[in-house]
Amino acid sequence: MSKTVVDIEHQKETGYYDLANAIVCRAATDYSHALSRAQRRPHDRRARAAVNDCERFFGSKWFGILSSADADQLTRDLRAGAECGNRRSKNDN
């Protein structure tokens, strides 16, 4: 069974969307981890640098090409999640 040109183009397009989503998801995960670490260790320069790198990415044209998500809302949600996670960790100790 041979694939049509339309099938091949659809697979390519789907692959690009999957890659774009994976990049944005990884940046969100990295941002969450960096925020948590920076909040637990305020003097950790590497954590602060990672937070800044992710924030630059979320505010970049590249992010706008990869995603239609609202970058400001995404960072607010991730910050709220990191703060909540840190409060839980402190209460567990």
C-alpha atoms as a PDB file:
ATOM      1  CA  MET A   1       0.000   0.000   0.000  1.00  0.00           C
ATOM      2  CA  SER A   2       1.553   3.312  -1.032  1.00  0.00           C
ATOM      3  CA  LYS A   3       1.130   6.561   0.797  1.00  0.00           C
ATOM      4  CA  THR A   4      -0.187   9.570  -1.017  1.00  0.00           C
ATOM      5  CA  VAL A   5       1.594  12.894  -1.062  1.00  0.00           C
ATOM      6  CA  VAL A   6      -1.178  14.252   1.186  1.00  0.00           C
ATOM      7  CA  ASP A   7      -0.532  11.487   3.766  1.00  0.00           C
ATOM      8  CA  ILE A   8       3.194  12.197   3.765  1.00  0.00           C
ATOM      9  CA  GLU A   9       2.667  15.956   4.110  1.00  0.00           C
ATOM     10  CA  HIS A  10       0.198  15.375   6.958  1.00  0.00           C
ATOM     11  CA  GLN A  11       2.756  13.188   8.765  1.00  0.00           C
ATOM     12  CA  LYS A  12       5.432  15.870   8.327  1.00  0.00           C
ATOM     13  CA  GLU A  13       3.100  18.559   9.644  1.00  0.00           C
ATOM     14  CA  THR A  14       2.085  16.413  12.609  1.00  0.00           C
ATOM     15  CA  GLY A  15       5.743  15.744  13.346  1.00  0.00           C
ATOM     16  CA  TYR A  16       6.517  19.467  13.392  1.00  0.00           C
ATOM     17  CA  TYR A  17       3.624  20.122  15.784  1.00  0.00           C
ATOM     18  CA  ASP A  18       4.782  17.283  18.024  1.00  0.00           C
ATOM     19  CA  LEU A  19       8.318  18.678  18.051  1.00  0.00           C
ATOM     20  CA  ALA A  20       7.100  22.204  18.814  1.00  0.00           C
ATOM     21  CA  ASN A  21       4.934  20.897  21.663  1.00  0.00           C
ATOM     22  CA  ALA A  22       7.833  18.877  23.053  1.00  0.00           C
ATOM     23  CA  ILE A  23      10.107  21.952  23.043  1.00  0.00           C
ATOM     24  CA  VAL A  24       7.531  24.086  24.857  1.00  0.00           C
ATOM     25  CA  CYS A  25       6.709  21.312  27.349  1.00  0.00           C
ATOM     26  CA  ARG A  26      10.401  20.803  28.120  1.00  0.00           C
ATOM     27  CA  ALA A  27      10.878  24.544  28.657  1.00  0.00           C
ATOM     28  CA  ALA A  28       7.886  24.565  31.024  1.00  0.00           C
ATOM     29  CA  THR A  29       9.308  21.621  32.978  1.00  0.00           C
ATOM     30  CA  ASP A  30      12.752  23.230  33.132  1.00  0.00           C
ATOM     31  CA  TYR A  31      11.187  26.498  34.279  1.00  0.00           C
ATOM     32  CA  SER A  32       9.193  24.803  37.038  1.00  0.00           C
ATOM     33  CA  HIS A  33      12.263  22.988  38.328  1.00  0.00           C
ATOM     34  CA  ALA A  34      14.426  26.115  38.155  1.00  0.00           C
ATOM     35  CA  LEU A  35      11.777  28.183  39.967  1.00  0.00           C
ATOM     36  CA  SER A  36      11.482  25.618  42.735  1.00  0.00           C
ATOM     37  CA  ARG A  37      15.234  25.449  43.162  1.00  0.00           C
ATOM     38  CA  ALA A  38      15.617  29.248  43.087  1.00  0.00           C
ATOM     39  CA  GLN A  39      12.895  29.627  45.711  1.00  0.00           C
ATOM     40  CA  ARG A  40      14.472  27.001  47.975  1.00  0.00           C
ATOM     41  CA  ARG A  41      17.980  28.370  47.425  1.00  0.00           C
ATOM     42  CA  PRO A  42      17.758  32.117  46.714  1.00  0.00           C
ATOM     43  CA  HIS A  43      21.534  32.472  46.226  1.00  0.00           C
ATOM     44  CA  ASP A  44      21.794  29.671  43.631  1.00  0.00           C
ATOM     45  CA  ARG A  45      23.081  31.504  40.557  1.00  0.00           C
ATOM     46  CA  ARG A  46      22.567  28.558  38.214  1.00  0.00           C
ATOM     47  CA  ALA A  47      18.916  28.244  39.211  1.00  0.00           C
ATOM     48  CA  ARG A  48      18.385  31.996  38.745  1.00  0.00           C
ATOM     49  CA  ALA A  49      20.143  31.846  35.345  1.00  0.00           C
ATOM     50  CA  ALA A  50      17.894  28.941  34.282  1.00  0.00           C
ATOM     51  CA  VAL A  51      14.800  30.909  35.348  1.00  0.00           C
ATOM     52  CA  ASN A  52      15.996  33.914  33.335  1.00  0.00           C
ATOM     53  CA  ASP A  53      16.784  31.753  30.278  1.00  0.00           C
ATOM     54  CA  CYS A  54      13.312  30.216  30.331  1.00  0.00           C
ATOM     55  CA  GLU A  55      11.652  33.598  30.759  1.00  0.00           C
ATOM     56  CA  ARG A  56      13.595  34.932  27.782  1.00  0.00           C
ATOM     57  CA  PHE A  57      12.451  31.921  25.752  1.00  0.00           C
ATOM     58  CA  PHE A  58       8.799  32.404  26.743  1.00  0.00           C
ATOM     59  CA  GLY A  59       9.015  36.053  25.685  1.00  0.00           C
ATOM     60  CA  SER A  60      10.774  35.336  22.397  1.00  0.00           C
ATOM     61  CA  LYS A  61       9.529  35.304  18.813  1.00  0.00           C
ATOM     62  CA  TRP A  62      10.620  31.667  18.665  1.00  0.00           C
ATOM     63  CA  PHE A  63       8.126  30.773  21.409  1.00  0.00           C
ATOM     64  CA  GLY A  64       5.428  32.596  19.436  1.00  0.00           C
ATOM     65  CA  ILE A  65       6.253  30.509  16.381  1.00  0.00           C
ATOM     66  CA  LEU A  66       6.179  27.255  18.346  1.00  0.00           C
ATOM     67  CA  SER A  67       3.058  27.901  20.385  1.00  0.00           C
ATOM     68  CA  SER A  68      -0.119  29.934  20.446  1.00  0.00           C
ATOM     69  CA  ALA A  69      -0.102  29.839  24.253  1.00  0.00           C
ATOM     70  CA  ASP A  70      -0.142  33.086  26.198  1.00  0.00           C
ATOM     71  CA  ALA A  71       3.419  33.267  27.551  1.00  0.00           C
ATOM     72  CA  ASP A  72       2.485  35.602  30.420  1.00  0.00           C
ATOM     73  CA  GLN A  73      -0.307  33.318  31.572  1.00  0.00           C
ATOM     74  CA  LEU A  74       1.930  30.261  31.235  1.00  0.00           C
ATOM     75  CA  THR A  75       4.656  31.794  33.412  1.00  0.00           C
ATOM     76  CA  ARG A  76       2.064  32.938  36.002  1.00  0.00           C
ATOM     77  CA  ASP A  77       0.614  29.422  36.169  1.00  0.00           C
ATOM     78  CA  LEU A  78       4.040  27.808  36.451  1.00  0.00           C
ATOM     79  CA  ARG A  79       5.103  30.270  39.166  1.00  0.00           C
ATOM     80  CA  ALA A  80       1.925  29.535  41.127  1.00  0.00           C
ATOM     81  CA  GLY A  81       2.557  25.809  40.800  1.00  0.00           C
ATOM     82  CA  ALA A  82       6.149  26.152  41.960  1.00  0.00           C
ATOM     83  CA  GLU A  83       5.120  28.228  44.981  1.00  0.00           C
ATOM     84  CA  CYS A  84       2.445  25.707  45.893  1.00  0.00           C
ATOM     85  CA  GLY A  85       4.920  22.838  45.544  1.00  0.00           C
ATOM     86  CA  ASN A  86       7.459  24.564  47.761  1.00  0.00           C
ATOM     87  CA  ARG A  87       4.830  25.191  50.452  1.00  0.00           C
ATOM     88  CA  ARG A  88       3.902  21.504  50.355  1.00  0.00           C
ATOM     89  CA  SER A  89       7.568  20.486  50.678  1.00  0.00           C
ATOM     90  CA  LYS A  90       8.049  22.725  53.720  1.00  0.00           C
ATOM     91  CA  ASN A  91       4.904  21.325  55.364  1.00  0.00           C
ATOM     92  CA  ASP A  92       6.090  17.746  54.755  1.00  0.00           C
ATOM     93  CA  ASN A  93       9.275  18.336  56.770  1.00  0.00           C
END
